[in-house]
Amino acid sequence: MLANFLIGLREGLEIGLVVGILIAYINRVSRRDVLPKLWLGIGIAIALALAVGAILTWGPYGLSSQGQEGIGGVLSVLAVGLVTWMIFWMARNARELKGELHGALDKALSGDARGLVLLGVVAVGRESIETALFLWAAAKSETNTLLGTAGAIGGLAVAAALAYLIYRGAMRIDLRRFFFWTGLFLVLVAAGVLSYGLGELQGAGLVPGNGQAAFSVAGVIPPTSWYGSLLSGIFNFNAEPTWLQTVGWGAYLGIVLTLFLRASGVGRKAALQPSTSTAVAS
C-alpha cells in the first residue's frame, strides 16, 4: 500500500505540475478563452489512462492461469522499462520542463483548436498512461489488491492537493530534492516489480527456468511476519526467489541505481544543495 501511495504521489505531482504550468502560462498571456480546449485534451488523456487501467485489470480474466502469468510478466517488465525511462528523463530535464511546455504552448496558441487539444493529450497522456501501467504492475504483485488500489488513489489525491497549493502560491517545494528521493525509491520498487515479472514469465514458460528457489531467507525474514509483509508490500520482497529473479533484481538495481545517481549529480558539489523552490505560477 505504501509503495502504491508513493508512486501515486510522485506521478500525480508530475501530472499536476504539467497542468499547472500550462494553465498559469495561459493566464499570464491573457488567453483564458482557450482553457476549455486545453481541458478537453487533458480529459481525453485521463480517460485514456483509465481505459488502459481497466483493460489491464479486467482484460485477462478470460485467459488461462498460464496466459495471465504471461501477460502479467510481459506488462510488468514493460512497466519497469517505462518508469525507468521516466525517472532518467525527469532527472535530466526537470529544470527545462517549464520552458519546453511554454514553447509547445506558444506553437499551439498560434494554430487552431486541435493543436491545444493535442497538447493537452500529449502533455498529460504520456505521464498518465505510464502511471496507470506501473501502478497496475505494483498493485498486481501485492497480495491485497484492494489496499494497493487504495494507496494509489490516496497518493494521487494528495498529489492533486499539493499541485493545487503550488499553483496558487500557497506552497513552495524543492522539486529537485523531491524527484531525487522519490526517484531513488522508484528504482527500488521497480527492481522488485522486475523480479516479480520475471517470476511470472517463468511460470508461463516464456523464459528459461524451472521456477525452483535459488535460496531461502524465510527463516530470517518469514513472509508472514509483519516486517516480511511490509517488505513484500513495498519492494515486492520474495523470501525464495529463483536464480533468474535474483540475477535480474541485482543487475537492475546495480546498473540503474549507479546511472541514476550519476544523472542526478550525486557526488558533485552542488548535487543536493538546496535549489530554488518551484512555484508553477511564476
Protein backbone atom coordinates (compact mmCIF):
# COMPACT_ATOMS: atom_id res chain seq x y z
CA MET A 1 0.00 0.00 0.00
CA LEU A 2 2.79 2.43 0.91
CA ALA A 3 4.60 1.74 -2.36
CA ASN A 4 1.49 2.50 -4.40
CA PHE A 5 0.81 5.61 -2.33
CA LEU A 6 4.29 6.98 -3.03
CA ILE A 7 4.09 6.03 -6.70
CA GLY A 8 0.74 7.80 -6.99
CA LEU A 9 2.14 10.80 -5.13
CA ARG A 10 5.16 11.23 -7.36
CA GLU A 11 3.47 10.50 -10.67
CA GLY A 12 0.40 12.51 -9.74
CA LEU A 13 2.50 15.51 -8.77
CA GLU A 14 4.33 15.35 -12.09
CA ILE A 15 1.00 15.45 -13.91
CA GLY A 16 -0.29 18.22 -11.65
CA LEU A 17 2.79 20.35 -12.23
CA VAL A 18 2.48 19.97 -16.00
CA VAL A 19 -1.18 21.04 -15.88
CA GLY A 20 -0.37 23.92 -13.53
CA ILE A 21 2.43 25.23 -15.76
CA LEU A 22 0.17 25.18 -18.82
CA ILE A 23 -2.74 26.92 -17.09
CA ALA A 24 -0.52 29.52 -15.42
CA TYR A 25 1.06 30.44 -18.76
CA ILE A 26 -2.31 30.72 -20.46
CA ASN A 27 -3.45 33.08 -17.70
CA ARG A 28 -0.25 35.11 -18.00
CA VAL A 29 -0.70 35.71 -21.73
CA SER A 30 -4.40 36.55 -21.18
CA ARG A 31 -5.78 33.70 -23.28
CA ARG A 32 -8.25 32.19 -20.85
CA ASP A 33 -10.59 31.69 -23.81
CA VAL A 34 -8.55 28.63 -24.87
CA LEU A 35 -8.71 26.90 -21.48
CA PRO A 36 -11.73 24.72 -22.42
CA LYS A 37 -9.76 23.29 -25.36
CA LEU A 38 -6.80 22.50 -23.11
CA TRP A 39 -9.07 20.89 -20.51
CA LEU A 40 -10.64 18.79 -23.26
CA GLY A 41 -7.23 17.41 -24.18
CA ILE A 42 -6.39 16.77 -20.51
CA GLY A 43 -9.72 15.00 -20.06
CA ILE A 44 -9.06 12.77 -23.08
CA ALA A 45 -5.62 11.90 -21.69
CA ILE A 46 -7.06 10.92 -18.30
CA ALA A 47 -9.80 8.89 -19.97
CA LEU A 48 -7.18 7.01 -21.99
CA ALA A 49 -5.22 6.24 -18.81
CA LEU A 50 -8.37 4.96 -17.08
CA ALA A 51 -9.17 2.83 -20.13
CA VAL A 52 -5.66 1.34 -20.05
CA GLY A 53 -6.08 0.58 -16.35
CA ALA A 54 -9.48 -1.06 -16.93
CA ILE A 55 -8.16 -3.19 -19.79
CA LEU A 56 -5.18 -4.32 -17.72
CA THR A 57 -7.38 -5.13 -14.73
CA TRP A 58 -10.29 -6.95 -16.35
CA GLY A 59 -8.99 -7.91 -19.78
CA PRO A 60 -7.01 -11.07 -18.84
CA TYR A 61 -9.78 -12.66 -16.71
CA GLY A 62 -10.94 -14.97 -19.50
CA LEU A 63 -7.45 -16.38 -20.07
CA SER A 64 -5.89 -19.47 -18.54
CA SER A 65 -3.67 -19.06 -15.49
CA GLN A 66 -0.62 -19.54 -17.70
CA GLY A 67 -1.86 -16.86 -20.07
CA GLN A 68 -2.47 -14.47 -17.19
CA GLU A 69 1.03 -15.10 -15.88
CA GLY A 70 2.48 -14.43 -19.31
CA ILE A 71 0.62 -11.15 -19.76
CA GLY A 72 1.38 -10.11 -16.19
CA GLY A 73 5.08 -10.82 -16.68
CA VAL A 74 5.37 -9.01 -20.02
CA LEU A 75 3.49 -5.94 -18.81
CA SER A 76 5.44 -5.84 -15.54
CA VAL A 77 8.73 -5.79 -17.45
CA LEU A 78 7.31 -3.14 -19.82
CA ALA A 79 6.18 -1.04 -16.83
CA VAL A 80 9.68 -1.22 -15.35
CA GLY A 81 11.16 -0.08 -18.66
CA LEU A 82 8.79 2.88 -18.95
CA VAL A 83 9.19 4.05 -15.38
CA THR A 84 12.98 3.72 -15.62
CA TRP A 85 12.98 5.91 -18.72
CA MET A 86 10.72 8.41 -16.96
CA ILE A 87 12.99 8.58 -13.90
CA PHE A 88 16.04 9.39 -16.01
CA TRP A 89 14.13 11.83 -18.20
CA MET A 90 12.95 13.78 -15.18
CA ALA A 91 16.42 13.73 -13.59
CA ARG A 92 17.90 15.30 -16.73
CA ASN A 93 15.10 17.62 -17.87
CA ALA A 94 13.24 18.84 -14.77
CA ARG A 95 14.86 22.28 -14.98
CA GLU A 96 13.86 22.77 -18.62
CA LEU A 97 10.34 21.38 -18.23
CA LYS A 98 8.65 24.76 -17.84
CA GLY A 99 10.44 26.26 -20.85
CA GLU A 100 9.61 23.27 -23.06
CA LEU A 101 5.93 23.43 -22.11
CA HIS A 102 5.81 27.18 -22.71
CA GLY A 103 7.36 26.71 -26.16
CA ALA A 104 4.87 23.98 -27.07
CA LEU A 105 2.01 26.15 -25.84
CA ASP A 106 3.16 29.14 -27.88
CA LYS A 107 3.03 27.00 -31.01
CA ALA A 108 -0.40 25.66 -30.11
CA LEU A 109 -1.78 29.15 -29.41
CA SER A 110 -0.71 30.29 -32.86
CA GLY A 111 -2.63 27.46 -34.51
CA ASP A 112 -6.18 26.13 -34.35
CA ALA A 113 -8.14 24.44 -31.56
CA ARG A 114 -6.86 20.99 -32.47
CA GLY A 115 -3.33 21.99 -31.51
CA LEU A 116 -4.37 22.86 -27.95
CA VAL A 117 -6.40 19.69 -27.57
CA LEU A 118 -3.46 17.64 -28.85
CA LEU A 119 -1.07 19.45 -26.49
CA GLY A 120 -3.29 18.53 -23.54
CA VAL A 121 -3.43 14.89 -24.67
CA VAL A 122 0.32 14.59 -25.24
CA ALA A 123 1.50 16.58 -22.21
CA VAL A 124 -0.67 14.68 -19.74
CA GLY A 125 -1.32 11.42 -21.59
CA ARG A 126 2.24 10.12 -21.52
CA GLU A 127 2.57 10.52 -17.76
CA SER A 128 -0.97 9.25 -17.11
CA ILE A 129 -0.60 6.05 -19.12
CA GLU A 130 2.84 5.34 -17.62
CA THR A 131 1.33 5.87 -14.17
CA ALA A 132 -1.59 3.53 -14.89
CA LEU A 133 0.73 0.78 -16.15
CA PHE A 134 3.23 0.99 -13.30
CA LEU A 135 0.54 1.23 -10.62
CA TRP A 136 -1.15 -1.82 -12.14
CA ALA A 137 2.11 -3.77 -12.11
CA ALA A 138 2.86 -2.76 -8.50
CA ALA A 139 -0.70 -3.49 -7.33
CA LYS A 140 -0.84 -6.87 -9.13
CA SER A 141 2.22 -8.09 -7.28
CA GLU A 142 0.63 -7.28 -3.92
CA THR A 143 -1.33 -9.91 -2.03
CA ASN A 144 -4.02 -7.37 -1.13
CA THR A 145 -5.00 -5.65 -4.37
CA LEU A 146 -7.67 -3.55 -2.64
CA LEU A 147 -5.15 -1.97 -0.27
CA GLY A 148 -2.77 -1.34 -3.16
CA THR A 149 -5.50 0.41 -5.12
CA ALA A 150 -6.50 2.48 -2.09
CA GLY A 151 -2.87 3.51 -1.60
CA ALA A 152 -2.58 4.61 -5.23
CA ILE A 153 -5.78 6.65 -5.06
CA GLY A 154 -4.63 8.26 -1.81
CA GLY A 155 -1.29 9.19 -3.35
CA LEU A 156 -2.96 10.72 -6.40
CA ALA A 157 -5.35 12.69 -4.17
CA VAL A 158 -2.51 14.11 -2.07
CA ALA A 159 -0.59 14.93 -5.26
CA ALA A 160 -3.58 16.82 -6.65
CA ALA A 161 -3.86 18.85 -3.43
CA LEU A 162 -0.13 19.66 -3.42
CA ALA A 163 -0.16 20.64 -7.09
CA TYR A 164 -3.09 23.00 -6.45
CA LEU A 165 -1.34 24.61 -3.46
CA ILE A 166 1.82 25.09 -5.53
CA TYR A 167 -0.20 26.60 -8.38
CA ARG A 168 -1.94 29.00 -6.00
CA GLY A 169 1.39 30.02 -4.49
CA ALA A 170 0.45 28.68 -1.06
CA MET A 171 3.31 26.19 -1.06
CA ARG A 172 6.82 26.08 -2.48
CA ILE A 173 8.87 22.90 -2.52
CA ASP A 174 12.32 21.96 -3.73
CA LEU A 175 11.33 19.80 -6.70
CA ARG A 176 14.88 18.64 -7.36
CA ARG A 177 15.07 17.06 -3.92
CA PHE A 178 11.55 15.69 -4.22
CA PHE A 179 12.20 14.00 -7.57
CA PHE A 180 15.59 12.72 -6.43
CA TRP A 181 14.33 10.93 -3.33
CA THR A 182 11.14 9.65 -4.95
CA GLY A 183 13.18 8.57 -7.99
CA LEU A 184 15.52 6.65 -5.70
CA PHE A 185 12.52 4.96 -4.11
CA LEU A 186 11.03 4.11 -7.51
CA VAL A 187 14.27 2.43 -8.58
CA LEU A 188 13.99 0.12 -5.57
CA VAL A 189 10.31 -0.57 -6.27
CA ALA A 190 10.97 -1.16 -9.97
CA ALA A 191 13.64 -3.74 -9.12
CA GLY A 192 11.04 -5.67 -7.14
CA VAL A 193 8.45 -5.37 -9.91
CA LEU A 194 11.02 -6.66 -12.41
CA SER A 195 11.78 -9.64 -10.18
CA TYR A 196 8.07 -10.36 -9.89
CA GLY A 197 7.60 -10.06 -13.66
CA LEU A 198 10.45 -12.47 -14.33
CA GLY A 199 8.85 -14.97 -11.96
CA GLU A 200 5.55 -14.66 -13.85
CA LEU A 201 7.33 -15.22 -17.17
CA GLN A 202 8.97 -18.35 -15.76
CA GLY A 203 5.60 -19.57 -14.53
CA ALA A 204 4.18 -19.09 -18.03
CA GLY A 205 7.12 -20.94 -19.58
CA LEU A 206 8.17 -17.91 -21.64
CA VAL A 207 11.70 -17.70 -20.21
CA PRO A 208 14.09 -20.45 -19.08
CA GLY A 209 14.00 -21.73 -15.53
CA ASN A 210 12.18 -24.41 -13.60
CA GLY A 211 10.86 -21.97 -11.02
CA GLN A 212 12.77 -23.60 -8.16
CA ALA A 213 14.11 -21.27 -5.48
CA ALA A 214 17.80 -20.40 -5.66
CA PHE A 215 17.90 -19.96 -1.87
CA SER A 216 15.58 -19.19 1.01
CA VAL A 217 15.71 -16.49 3.67
CA ALA A 218 12.27 -17.37 5.02
CA GLY A 219 13.88 -18.45 8.28
CA VAL A 220 15.36 -14.98 8.74
CA ILE A 221 12.52 -12.94 7.26
CA PRO A 222 9.32 -15.00 7.45
CA PRO A 223 6.93 -13.91 4.68
CA THR A 224 4.02 -14.00 7.15
CA SER A 225 5.75 -11.72 9.69
CA TRP A 226 4.80 -8.05 9.86
CA TYR A 227 8.20 -6.96 8.54
CA GLY A 228 8.14 -9.61 5.82
CA SER A 229 4.70 -8.42 4.75
CA LEU A 230 5.91 -4.82 4.84
CA LEU A 231 8.92 -5.56 2.63
CA SER A 232 6.75 -7.57 0.28
CA GLY A 233 4.14 -4.81 0.03
CA ILE A 234 6.65 -2.04 -0.60
CA PHE A 235 9.50 -3.67 -2.50
CA ASN A 236 8.00 -6.99 -3.69
CA PHE A 237 10.34 -8.88 -1.38
CA ASN A 238 10.49 -12.60 -2.14
CA ALA A 239 11.98 -14.86 0.50
CA GLU A 240 12.53 -17.68 -2.02
CA PRO A 241 13.45 -16.17 -5.42
CA THR A 242 14.60 -18.14 -8.43
CA TRP A 243 18.07 -17.62 -9.90
CA LEU A 244 16.63 -15.56 -12.74
CA GLN A 245 14.77 -13.31 -10.31
CA THR A 246 17.86 -12.91 -8.15
CA VAL A 247 20.16 -12.05 -11.06
CA GLY A 248 17.58 -9.77 -12.67
CA TRP A 249 16.94 -7.89 -9.43
CA GLY A 250 20.64 -7.48 -8.65
CA ALA A 251 21.64 -6.45 -12.18
CA TYR A 252 18.82 -3.92 -12.50
CA LEU A 253 19.48 -2.38 -9.09
CA GLY A 254 23.25 -2.21 -9.57
CA ILE A 255 23.16 -0.70 -13.06
CA VAL A 256 20.14 1.61 -12.78
CA LEU A 257 20.95 2.90 -9.31
CA THR A 258 24.51 3.79 -10.37
CA LEU A 259 23.33 5.57 -13.53
CA PHE A 260 20.54 7.36 -11.63
CA LEU A 261 22.94 8.74 -9.03
CA ARG A 262 25.22 9.96 -11.81
CA ALA A 263 22.33 11.55 -13.73
CA SER A 264 21.15 13.25 -10.55
CA GLY A 265 24.58 14.76 -9.98
CA VAL A 266 25.34 12.97 -6.71
CA GLY A 267 28.99 13.35 -5.89
CA ARG A 268 29.26 16.81 -7.43
CA LYS A 269 29.44 19.82 -5.16
CA ALA A 270 26.01 21.22 -5.97
CA ALA A 271 24.22 17.92 -6.40
CA LEU A 272 21.90 18.06 -3.43
CA GLN A 273 22.34 21.64 -2.27
CA PRO A 274 19.00 23.41 -1.81
CA SER A 275 17.79 24.76 -5.13
CA THR A 276 15.22 27.40 -5.75
CA SER A 277 11.80 26.19 -4.70
CA THR A 278 9.38 25.95 -7.55
CA ALA A 279 6.01 27.57 -7.98
CA VAL A 280 4.31 26.87 -11.29
CA ALA A 281 2.61 30.22 -11.40
CA SER A 282 5.87 32.15 -11.63
